[in-house]
Every structure is written in C-alpha cells, then in structure tokens.
Amino acid sequence: MGLQRKYYTNLSVFGRKILRKIFGPTKEANGIRRIKTNVEFNELIKHRNIINYVKAQRLNWFGHTNRTPETSTVKRINKWKPFTGRPAGRPKSRWDDGVRMI
C-alpha cells in the first residue's frame, strides 16, 4: 500500500509542477510577482485532480478492452496466463491489480 501512496504523491507533485508552469505567477497590485498557492490552483481547476483523472482513464480502458471481441489482440494479451510461476518474494504489481484496487 505504501508504494501506491508514493506513486500517487509523486503524481500529485508532478501535476502541481505542470500547473505552475501553465498558469505562471500571480502579479500583485504593487507589481510584485508571487507563485500561486495550492488553494488558488484548486479554484482554477475547480477541485479536479490528476489522480482521479488517471483512475477514470484506467477504468475507461478496462471497460473498453472487456467489450472487445475475444479474438482481439489486446484482450488475448490481457487474459494470457504464463506457463511458469512467479518468482519468490513480493510479487510485482500488475496493471490489472491497480484497476482492481480502484
């Protein structure tokens, strides 16, 4: 669970960094420029965040692949099971695991 939290934290930080570049600094009445606060960004983007967008896009893609015919390459790869077992230790997270956690 900690790794997923770190991923989402890094994604949020990156999203704010991009927003700062897009919207730029705020010019005060006395001519001084300052960086916008997170509260100002929330008002600008109407409280939408990148994490919810990524989760929605994952669910959208999951539904899209489930509606495709069984002969589709994407669906066959998604349902493929390897012949060998997974290595010892903590299993690596798969894309499908991330969708199921949503």
C-alpha atoms as a PDB file:
ATOM      1  CA  MET A   1       0.000   0.000   0.000  1.00  0.00           C
ATOM      2  CA  GLY A   2       2.896   2.336   0.715  1.00  0.00           C
ATOM      3  CA  LEU A   3       4.241   2.065  -2.819  1.00  0.00           C
ATOM      4  CA  GLN A   4       0.884   3.041  -4.298  1.00  0.00           C
ATOM      5  CA  ARG A   5       0.628   6.032  -1.951  1.00  0.00           C
ATOM      6  CA  LYS A   6       4.127   7.135  -3.006  1.00  0.00           C
ATOM      7  CA  TYR A   7       3.110   6.812  -6.679  1.00  0.00           C
ATOM      8  CA  TYR A   8       0.040   8.993  -6.175  1.00  0.00           C
ATOM      9  CA  THR A   9       2.020  11.527  -4.145  1.00  0.00           C
ATOM     10  CA  ASN A  10       4.624  11.805  -6.892  1.00  0.00           C
ATOM     11  CA  LEU A  11       1.847  12.152  -9.467  1.00  0.00           C
ATOM     12  CA  SER A  12       0.225  14.973  -7.462  1.00  0.00           C
ATOM     13  CA  VAL A  13       3.522  16.804  -7.093  1.00  0.00           C
ATOM     14  CA  PHE A  14       4.186  16.494 -10.827  1.00  0.00           C
ATOM     15  CA  GLY A  15       0.663  17.737 -11.605  1.00  0.00           C
ATOM     16  CA  ARG A  16       1.139  20.833  -9.440  1.00  0.00           C
ATOM     17  CA  LYS A  17       4.517  21.498 -11.081  1.00  0.00           C
ATOM     18  CA  ILE A  18       2.901  21.451 -14.525  1.00  0.00           C
ATOM     19  CA  LEU A  19       0.068  23.714 -13.339  1.00  0.00           C
ATOM     20  CA  ARG A  20       2.619  26.198 -12.023  1.00  0.00           C
ATOM     21  CA  LYS A  21       4.265  26.286 -15.455  1.00  0.00           C
ATOM     22  CA  ILE A  22       0.949  26.620 -17.303  1.00  0.00           C
ATOM     23  CA  PHE A  23      -0.632  29.346 -15.165  1.00  0.00           C
ATOM     24  CA  GLY A  24       2.563  31.160 -14.181  1.00  0.00           C
ATOM     25  CA  PRO A  25       2.991  33.567 -11.279  1.00  0.00           C
ATOM     26  CA  THR A  26       0.383  35.978  -9.912  1.00  0.00           C
ATOM     27  CA  LYS A  27       1.047  39.680 -10.261  1.00  0.00           C
ATOM     28  CA  GLU A  28       0.136  41.591  -7.122  1.00  0.00           C
ATOM     29  CA  ALA A  29      -1.285  45.147  -7.109  1.00  0.00           C
ATOM     30  CA  ASN A  30       2.090  46.612  -6.130  1.00  0.00           C
ATOM     31  CA  GLY A  31       3.837  44.933  -9.102  1.00  0.00           C
ATOM     32  CA  ILE A  32       5.364  42.052  -7.140  1.00  0.00           C
ATOM     33  CA  ARG A  33       5.040  38.571  -8.654  1.00  0.00           C
ATOM     34  CA  ARG A  34       4.445  35.524  -6.478  1.00  0.00           C
ATOM     35  CA  ILE A  35       3.827  31.811  -7.002  1.00  0.00           C
ATOM     36  CA  LYS A  36       0.189  30.725  -6.776  1.00  0.00           C
ATOM     37  CA  THR A  37      -0.846  28.696  -3.735  1.00  0.00           C
ATOM     38  CA  ASN A  38      -2.473  25.259  -3.863  1.00  0.00           C
ATOM     39  CA  VAL A  39      -5.787  26.832  -2.820  1.00  0.00           C
ATOM     40  CA  GLU A  40      -5.645  29.144  -5.852  1.00  0.00           C
ATOM     41  CA  PHE A  41      -4.903  26.179  -8.119  1.00  0.00           C
ATOM     42  CA  ASN A  42      -7.859  24.259  -6.687  1.00  0.00           C
ATOM     43  CA  GLU A  43     -10.116  27.197  -7.557  1.00  0.00           C
ATOM     44  CA  LEU A  44      -8.649  27.452 -11.067  1.00  0.00           C
ATOM     45  CA  ILE A  45      -9.089  23.758 -11.890  1.00  0.00           C
ATOM     46  CA  LYS A  46     -12.409  23.508  -9.995  1.00  0.00           C
ATOM     47  CA  HIS A  47     -11.126  20.944  -7.444  1.00  0.00           C
ATOM     48  CA  ARG A  48     -10.322  18.293 -10.096  1.00  0.00           C
ATOM     49  CA  ASN A  49      -7.067  16.446  -9.608  1.00  0.00           C
ATOM     50  CA  ILE A  50      -4.855  14.292 -11.764  1.00  0.00           C
ATOM     51  CA  ILE A  51      -5.217  11.165  -9.612  1.00  0.00           C
ATOM     52  CA  ASN A  52      -8.963  10.921 -10.162  1.00  0.00           C
ATOM     53  CA  TYR A  53      -8.409  11.537 -13.870  1.00  0.00           C
ATOM     54  CA  VAL A  54      -5.861   8.711 -14.126  1.00  0.00           C
ATOM     55  CA  LYS A  55      -8.156   6.337 -12.226  1.00  0.00           C
ATOM     56  CA  ALA A  56     -11.073   7.210 -14.503  1.00  0.00           C
ATOM     57  CA  GLN A  57      -8.967   6.655 -17.621  1.00  0.00           C
ATOM     58  CA  ARG A  58      -7.807   3.254 -16.331  1.00  0.00           C
ATOM     59  CA  LEU A  59     -11.406   2.182 -15.725  1.00  0.00           C
ATOM     60  CA  ASN A  60     -12.356   3.512 -19.145  1.00  0.00           C
ATOM     61  CA  TRP A  61      -9.630   1.450 -20.829  1.00  0.00           C
ATOM     62  CA  PHE A  62     -10.560  -1.621 -18.765  1.00  0.00           C
ATOM     63  CA  GLY A  63     -14.181  -1.366 -19.908  1.00  0.00           C
ATOM     64  CA  HIS A  64     -13.072  -0.804 -23.495  1.00  0.00           C
ATOM     65  CA  THR A  65     -10.905  -3.933 -23.527  1.00  0.00           C
ATOM     66  CA  ASN A  66     -13.663  -6.019 -21.934  1.00  0.00           C
ATOM     67  CA  ARG A  67     -16.116  -5.022 -24.665  1.00  0.00           C
ATOM     68  CA  THR A  68     -13.789  -6.046 -27.499  1.00  0.00           C
ATOM     69  CA  PRO A  69     -14.299  -9.441 -29.160  1.00  0.00           C
ATOM     70  CA  GLU A  70     -12.425 -12.486 -27.831  1.00  0.00           C
ATOM     71  CA  THR A  71     -10.223 -12.541 -30.949  1.00  0.00           C
ATOM     72  CA  SER A  72      -8.843  -9.068 -30.236  1.00  0.00           C
ATOM     73  CA  THR A  73      -5.086  -8.980 -29.618  1.00  0.00           C
ATOM     74  CA  VAL A  74      -5.467  -6.658 -26.626  1.00  0.00           C
ATOM     75  CA  LYS A  75      -7.993  -8.965 -24.972  1.00  0.00           C
ATOM     76  CA  ARG A  76      -5.907 -12.080 -25.632  1.00  0.00           C
ATOM     77  CA  ILE A  77      -2.831 -10.428 -24.081  1.00  0.00           C
ATOM     78  CA  ASN A  78      -4.859  -9.260 -21.096  1.00  0.00           C
ATOM     79  CA  LYS A  79      -6.206 -12.777 -20.441  1.00  0.00           C
ATOM     80  CA  TRP A  80      -2.900 -14.578 -21.133  1.00  0.00           C
ATOM     81  CA  LYS A  81      -1.501 -16.671 -18.289  1.00  0.00           C
ATOM     82  CA  PRO A  82       2.228 -17.529 -18.355  1.00  0.00           C
ATOM     83  CA  PHE A  83       3.319 -21.154 -18.171  1.00  0.00           C
ATOM     84  CA  THR A  84       5.786 -20.610 -15.355  1.00  0.00           C
ATOM     85  CA  GLY A  85       5.165 -19.415 -11.824  1.00  0.00           C
ATOM     86  CA  ARG A  86       6.113 -16.031 -10.488  1.00  0.00           C
ATOM     87  CA  PRO A  87       9.481 -15.601  -8.759  1.00  0.00           C
ATOM     88  CA  ALA A  88       9.854 -15.814  -4.992  1.00  0.00           C
ATOM     89  CA  GLY A  89       9.392 -12.698  -2.920  1.00  0.00           C
ATOM     90  CA  ARG A  90       6.927  -9.875  -3.114  1.00  0.00           C
ATOM     91  CA  PRO A  91       5.055 -10.018  -6.419  1.00  0.00           C
ATOM     92  CA  LYS A  92       5.384  -7.082  -8.765  1.00  0.00           C
ATOM     93  CA  SER A  93       2.151  -5.184  -9.168  1.00  0.00           C
ATOM     94  CA  ARG A  94       0.402  -5.598 -12.489  1.00  0.00           C
ATOM     95  CA  TRP A  95      -1.785  -3.170 -14.365  1.00  0.00           C
ATOM     96  CA  ASP A  96      -4.813  -5.328 -13.631  1.00  0.00           C
ATOM     97  CA  ASP A  97      -4.088  -5.216  -9.895  1.00  0.00           C
ATOM     98  CA  GLY A  98      -4.133  -1.430  -9.987  1.00  0.00           C
ATOM     99  CA  VAL A  99      -7.534  -1.396 -11.698  1.00  0.00           C
ATOM    100  CA  ARG A 100      -8.980  -3.772  -9.126  1.00  0.00           C
ATOM    101  CA  MET A 101      -7.818  -1.528  -6.258  1.00  0.00           C
ATOM    102  CA  ILE A 102      -9.796   1.407  -7.679  1.00  0.00           C
END
